[in-house]
Amino acid sequence: MASNMVEQIREAESKGDEIVQDAKKKAEGILAQIKTVGKEKYDSIIEDGEKTREDLLKNARIEGEKKEAPIIQQSNEIVHKIQNMDEGKLQEVANSIVERVVSEYVNG
């Protein structure tokens, strides 16, 4: 009878060890699965962030170009007017600027 109880205890311990080992394997599997899902979510978040960044940069470039276009056009018109200005008028403007600079330098 005592040996029968000892045998039952051993069997119970053996089953307990099997249950623990099985639980450890399941836990490792679950942990690996969590890591995989976590990495996939992380990668997805990073990808979404990069796409959002690219979209924001693209939109900023487009807005910048919209604001830039009239300024460039106005600058080109001014350059064109200056290039087509009468030589005598250019000389007059240049002399006026030189006179102003010299006057401020002498009086300043």
N, C-alpha and C. Protein backbone atom coordinates (compact mmCIF):
# COMPACT_ATOMS: atom_id res chain seq x y z
N MET A 1 0.80 -1.19 0.00
CA MET A 1 0.00 0.00 0.00
C MET A 1 0.85 1.26 0.00
N ALA A 2 1.89 1.28 0.81
CA ALA A 2 2.77 2.43 0.86
C ALA A 2 3.50 2.61 -0.46
N SER A 3 3.90 1.48 -1.04
CA SER A 3 4.59 1.59 -2.33
C SER A 3 3.62 2.07 -3.41
N ASN A 4 2.37 1.70 -3.27
CA ASN A 4 1.36 2.14 -4.21
C ASN A 4 1.16 3.67 -4.08
N MET A 5 1.19 4.17 -2.85
CA MET A 5 1.06 5.62 -2.65
C MET A 5 2.28 6.36 -3.18
N VAL A 6 3.43 5.79 -2.96
CA VAL A 6 4.66 6.40 -3.46
C VAL A 6 4.60 6.46 -4.98
N GLU A 7 4.12 5.39 -5.58
CA GLU A 7 3.99 5.35 -7.05
C GLU A 7 3.00 6.40 -7.53
N GLN A 8 1.92 6.56 -6.82
CA GLN A 8 0.92 7.56 -7.20
C GLN A 8 1.49 8.98 -7.07
N ILE A 9 2.28 9.17 -6.02
CA ILE A 9 2.92 10.48 -5.81
C ILE A 9 3.89 10.76 -6.96
N ARG A 10 4.68 9.75 -7.35
CA ARG A 10 5.63 9.91 -8.46
C ARG A 10 4.89 10.23 -9.75
N GLU A 11 3.79 9.51 -9.97
CA GLU A 11 3.00 9.78 -11.18
C GLU A 11 2.44 11.20 -11.15
N ALA A 12 1.98 11.61 -9.98
CA ALA A 12 1.43 12.96 -9.85
C ALA A 12 2.54 14.00 -10.09
N GLU A 13 3.72 13.74 -9.52
CA GLU A 13 4.85 14.65 -9.75
C GLU A 13 5.23 14.68 -11.22
N SER A 14 5.25 13.53 -11.84
CA SER A 14 5.59 13.43 -13.26
C SER A 14 4.57 14.20 -14.09
N LYS A 15 3.29 14.02 -13.81
CA LYS A 15 2.25 14.75 -14.53
C LYS A 15 2.39 16.25 -14.27
N GLY A 16 2.72 16.60 -13.03
CA GLY A 16 2.93 18.01 -12.68
C GLY A 16 4.07 18.60 -13.49
N ASP A 17 5.18 17.85 -13.59
CA ASP A 17 6.33 18.30 -14.39
C ASP A 17 5.95 18.46 -15.86
N GLU A 18 5.17 17.50 -16.37
CA GLU A 18 4.71 17.59 -17.76
C GLU A 18 3.85 18.83 -17.98
N ILE A 19 2.96 19.10 -17.01
CA ILE A 19 2.09 20.27 -17.11
C ILE A 19 2.92 21.55 -17.10
N VAL A 20 3.92 21.59 -16.22
CA VAL A 20 4.80 22.77 -16.15
C VAL A 20 5.57 22.95 -17.46
N GLN A 21 6.13 21.85 -17.98
CA GLN A 21 6.88 21.93 -19.24
C GLN A 21 5.97 22.37 -20.38
N ASP A 22 4.77 21.81 -20.42
CA ASP A 22 3.80 22.17 -21.45
C ASP A 22 3.44 23.66 -21.34
N ALA A 23 3.23 24.11 -20.11
CA ALA A 23 2.89 25.52 -19.87
C ALA A 23 4.03 26.44 -20.32
N LYS A 24 5.28 26.01 -20.04
CA LYS A 24 6.45 26.81 -20.46
C LYS A 24 6.52 26.91 -21.97
N LYS A 25 6.28 25.76 -22.66
CA LYS A 25 6.31 25.77 -24.13
C LYS A 25 5.22 26.68 -24.69
N LYS A 26 4.03 26.59 -24.09
CA LYS A 26 2.93 27.45 -24.54
C LYS A 26 3.27 28.92 -24.29
N ALA A 27 3.85 29.21 -23.14
CA ALA A 27 4.22 30.59 -22.80
C ALA A 27 5.27 31.11 -23.79
N GLU A 28 6.25 30.27 -24.12
CA GLU A 28 7.27 30.67 -25.10
C GLU A 28 6.63 30.94 -26.47
N GLY A 29 5.67 30.07 -26.84
CA GLY A 29 4.97 30.27 -28.11
C GLY A 29 4.18 31.57 -28.12
N ILE A 30 3.49 31.83 -27.02
CA ILE A 30 2.71 33.06 -26.90
C ILE A 30 3.63 34.28 -26.94
N LEU A 31 4.75 34.20 -26.24
CA LEU A 31 5.72 35.29 -26.21
C LEU A 31 6.28 35.56 -27.62
N ALA A 32 6.60 34.49 -28.32
CA ALA A 32 7.11 34.65 -29.69
C ALA A 32 6.04 35.28 -30.58
N GLN A 33 4.81 34.86 -30.39
CA GLN A 33 3.70 35.41 -31.17
C GLN A 33 3.51 36.90 -30.85
N ILE A 34 3.60 37.25 -29.58
CA ILE A 34 3.47 38.65 -29.16
C ILE A 34 4.59 39.49 -29.77
N LYS A 35 5.81 38.95 -29.77
CA LYS A 35 6.93 39.68 -30.36
C LYS A 35 6.72 39.91 -31.85
N THR A 36 6.22 38.88 -32.53
CA THR A 36 5.96 39.00 -33.97
C THR A 36 4.89 40.05 -34.24
N VAL A 37 3.80 39.97 -33.50
CA VAL A 37 2.71 40.95 -33.68
C VAL A 37 3.21 42.35 -33.33
N GLY A 38 3.96 42.45 -32.26
CA GLY A 38 4.52 43.75 -31.86
C GLY A 38 5.42 44.33 -32.93
N LYS A 39 6.28 43.50 -33.51
CA LYS A 39 7.18 43.98 -34.57
C LYS A 39 6.38 44.42 -35.79
N GLU A 40 5.35 43.63 -36.14
CA GLU A 40 4.52 43.99 -37.29
C GLU A 40 3.82 45.33 -37.05
N LYS A 41 3.29 45.52 -35.84
CA LYS A 41 2.61 46.78 -35.51
C LYS A 41 3.62 47.94 -35.54
N TYR A 42 4.80 47.70 -34.97
CA TYR A 42 5.84 48.73 -34.97
C TYR A 42 6.20 49.12 -36.39
N ASP A 43 6.44 48.12 -37.23
CA ASP A 43 6.78 48.39 -38.63
C ASP A 43 5.67 49.15 -39.34
N SER A 44 4.44 48.78 -39.05
CA SER A 44 3.29 49.45 -39.65
C SER A 44 3.21 50.91 -39.21
N ILE A 45 3.44 51.15 -37.94
CA ILE A 45 3.41 52.52 -37.41
C ILE A 45 4.52 53.35 -38.04
N ILE A 46 5.71 52.79 -38.14
CA ILE A 46 6.83 53.49 -38.76
C ILE A 46 6.51 53.80 -40.22
N GLU A 47 5.97 52.83 -40.94
CA GLU A 47 5.62 53.01 -42.34
C GLU A 47 4.57 54.12 -42.49
N ASP A 48 3.56 54.09 -41.64
CA ASP A 48 2.53 55.13 -41.68
C ASP A 48 3.13 56.50 -41.38
N GLY A 49 4.02 56.55 -40.41
CA GLY A 49 4.68 57.81 -40.07
C GLY A 49 5.51 58.35 -41.22
N GLU A 50 6.22 57.47 -41.90
CA GLU A 50 7.04 57.90 -43.04
C GLU A 50 6.15 58.40 -44.18
N LYS A 51 5.03 57.72 -44.41
CA LYS A 51 4.11 58.16 -45.46
C LYS A 51 3.52 59.52 -45.11
N THR A 52 3.14 59.69 -43.86
CA THR A 52 2.60 60.98 -43.42
C THR A 52 3.64 62.08 -43.59
N ARG A 53 4.88 61.77 -43.22
CA ARG A 53 5.97 62.76 -43.37
C ARG A 53 6.15 63.13 -44.83
N GLU A 54 6.15 62.13 -45.70
CA GLU A 54 6.31 62.39 -47.14
C GLU A 54 5.16 63.24 -47.67
N ASP A 55 3.94 62.93 -47.23
CA ASP A 55 2.77 63.71 -47.65
C ASP A 55 2.88 65.16 -47.18
N LEU A 56 3.29 65.33 -45.92
CA LEU A 56 3.43 66.68 -45.39
C LEU A 56 4.50 67.47 -46.14
N LEU A 57 5.62 66.82 -46.43
CA LEU A 57 6.68 67.49 -47.18
C LEU A 57 6.22 67.85 -48.59
N LYS A 58 5.50 66.93 -49.22
CA LYS A 58 4.99 67.18 -50.57
C LYS A 58 4.04 68.37 -50.56
N ASN A 59 3.12 68.38 -49.59
CA ASN A 59 2.17 69.49 -49.50
C ASN A 59 2.88 70.80 -49.19
N ALA A 60 3.90 70.76 -48.35
CA ALA A 60 4.66 71.98 -48.03
C ALA A 60 5.38 72.50 -49.27
N ARG A 61 5.94 71.58 -50.08
CA ARG A 61 6.60 72.01 -51.31
C ARG A 61 5.61 72.67 -52.26
N ILE A 62 4.44 72.04 -52.40
CA ILE A 62 3.41 72.58 -53.30
C ILE A 62 2.98 73.97 -52.82
N GLU A 63 2.75 74.12 -51.53
CA GLU A 63 2.36 75.43 -50.99
C GLU A 63 3.47 76.45 -51.19
N GLY A 64 4.70 76.02 -50.96
CA GLY A 64 5.85 76.92 -51.16
C GLY A 64 5.95 77.37 -52.61
N GLU A 65 5.74 76.44 -53.52
CA GLU A 65 5.81 76.79 -54.94
C GLU A 65 4.68 77.74 -55.33
N LYS A 66 3.49 77.54 -54.73
CA LYS A 66 2.37 78.46 -55.00
C LYS A 66 2.70 79.87 -54.54
N LYS A 67 3.32 79.99 -53.37
CA LYS A 67 3.68 81.30 -52.84
C LYS A 67 4.87 81.90 -53.58
N GLU A 68 5.74 81.03 -54.05
CA GLU A 68 6.95 81.45 -54.73
C GLU A 68 6.67 81.99 -56.13
N ALA A 69 5.71 81.40 -56.82
CA ALA A 69 5.45 81.74 -58.23
C ALA A 69 5.19 83.23 -58.45
N PRO A 70 4.30 83.88 -57.71
CA PRO A 70 4.06 85.30 -57.96
C PRO A 70 5.29 86.17 -57.64
N ILE A 71 6.05 85.77 -56.64
CA ILE A 71 7.25 86.54 -56.28
C ILE A 71 8.27 86.45 -57.41
N ILE A 72 8.47 85.26 -57.93
CA ILE A 72 9.42 85.08 -59.04
C ILE A 72 8.93 85.85 -60.26
N GLN A 73 7.64 85.78 -60.54
CA GLN A 73 7.09 86.48 -61.70
C GLN A 73 7.30 87.99 -61.55
N GLN A 74 7.01 88.51 -60.37
CA GLN A 74 7.20 89.95 -60.12
C GLN A 74 8.67 90.33 -60.25
N SER A 75 9.55 89.50 -59.72
CA SER A 75 10.99 89.77 -59.81
C SER A 75 11.45 89.76 -61.27
N ASN A 76 10.95 88.80 -62.05
CA ASN A 76 11.31 88.73 -63.47
C ASN A 76 10.82 89.96 -64.22
N GLU A 77 9.63 90.44 -63.87
CA GLU A 77 9.12 91.65 -64.51
C GLU A 77 9.99 92.86 -64.19
N ILE A 78 10.42 92.96 -62.94
CA ILE A 78 11.29 94.07 -62.54
C ILE A 78 12.62 93.98 -63.27
N VAL A 79 13.18 92.78 -63.34
CA VAL A 79 14.45 92.58 -64.05
C VAL A 79 14.28 92.96 -65.52
N HIS A 80 13.18 92.55 -66.12
CA HIS A 80 12.91 92.85 -67.53
C HIS A 80 12.82 94.37 -67.73
N LYS A 81 12.13 95.07 -66.81
CA LYS A 81 12.00 96.53 -66.92
C LYS A 81 13.37 97.20 -66.81
N ILE A 82 14.18 96.70 -65.86
CA ILE A 82 15.52 97.28 -65.68
C ILE A 82 16.37 97.04 -66.93
N GLN A 83 16.30 95.82 -67.47
CA GLN A 83 17.10 95.49 -68.66
C GLN A 83 16.67 96.31 -69.88
N ASN A 84 15.40 96.67 -69.93
CA ASN A 84 14.90 97.43 -71.08
C ASN A 84 14.86 98.94 -70.83
N MET A 85 15.40 99.36 -69.69
CA MET A 85 15.40 100.78 -69.35
C MET A 85 16.39 101.52 -70.24
N ASP A 86 16.05 102.76 -70.53
CA ASP A 86 16.91 103.62 -71.35
C ASP A 86 18.25 103.82 -70.65
N GLU A 87 19.32 103.75 -71.40
CA GLU A 87 20.68 103.87 -70.86
C GLU A 87 20.86 105.19 -70.12
N GLY A 88 20.29 106.24 -70.66
CA GLY A 88 20.40 107.55 -70.01
C GLY A 88 19.73 107.56 -68.65
N LYS A 89 18.57 106.91 -68.56
CA LYS A 89 17.84 106.84 -67.29
C LYS A 89 18.62 106.01 -66.27
N LEU A 90 19.23 104.91 -66.75
CA LEU A 90 20.05 104.08 -65.86
C LEU A 90 21.22 104.89 -65.30
N GLN A 91 21.86 105.65 -66.15
CA GLN A 91 23.00 106.47 -65.72
C GLN A 91 22.54 107.51 -64.71
N GLU A 92 21.36 108.08 -64.94
CA GLU A 92 20.80 109.08 -64.02
C GLU A 92 20.53 108.47 -62.65
N VAL A 93 19.94 107.26 -62.64
CA VAL A 93 19.66 106.55 -61.39
C VAL A 93 20.97 106.19 -60.68
N ALA A 94 21.94 105.70 -61.44
CA ALA A 94 23.24 105.33 -60.85
C ALA A 94 23.90 106.56 -60.23
N ASN A 95 23.89 107.68 -60.91
CA ASN A 95 24.49 108.91 -60.38
C ASN A 95 23.77 109.35 -59.11
N SER A 96 22.44 109.23 -59.11
CA SER A 96 21.66 109.62 -57.93
C SER A 96 22.03 108.75 -56.73
N ILE A 97 22.21 107.46 -56.97
CA ILE A 97 22.58 106.54 -55.88
C ILE A 97 23.97 106.87 -55.37
N VAL A 98 24.90 107.09 -56.28
CA VAL A 98 26.28 107.42 -55.89
C VAL A 98 26.28 108.71 -55.09
N GLU A 99 25.53 109.70 -55.55
CA GLU A 99 25.47 110.99 -54.86
C GLU A 99 24.93 110.82 -53.45
N ARG A 100 23.90 110.00 -53.29
CA ARG A 100 23.30 109.76 -51.98
C ARG A 100 24.28 109.05 -51.05
N VAL A 101 24.97 108.07 -51.55
CA VAL A 101 25.92 107.30 -50.73
C VAL A 101 27.07 108.20 -50.30
N VAL A 102 27.61 108.96 -51.23
CA VAL A 102 28.73 109.86 -50.91
C VAL A 102 28.29 110.90 -49.92
N SER A 103 27.09 111.45 -50.13
CA SER A 103 26.57 112.49 -49.24
C SER A 103 26.42 111.96 -47.82
N GLU A 104 25.88 110.74 -47.66
CA GLU A 104 25.70 110.15 -46.33
C GLU A 104 27.04 109.79 -45.71
N TYR A 105 27.99 109.38 -46.54
CA TYR A 105 29.31 109.03 -46.02
C TYR A 105 30.02 110.28 -45.50
N VAL A 106 29.93 111.37 -46.27
CA VAL A 106 30.60 112.61 -45.89
C VAL A 106 29.89 113.25 -44.69
N ASN A 107 28.58 113.25 -44.69
CA ASN A 107 27.81 113.91 -43.63
C ASN A 107 27.58 112.99 -42.43
N GLY A 108 27.73 111.71 -42.65
CA GLY A 108 27.37 110.73 -41.63
C GLY A 108 28.36 110.57 -40.59
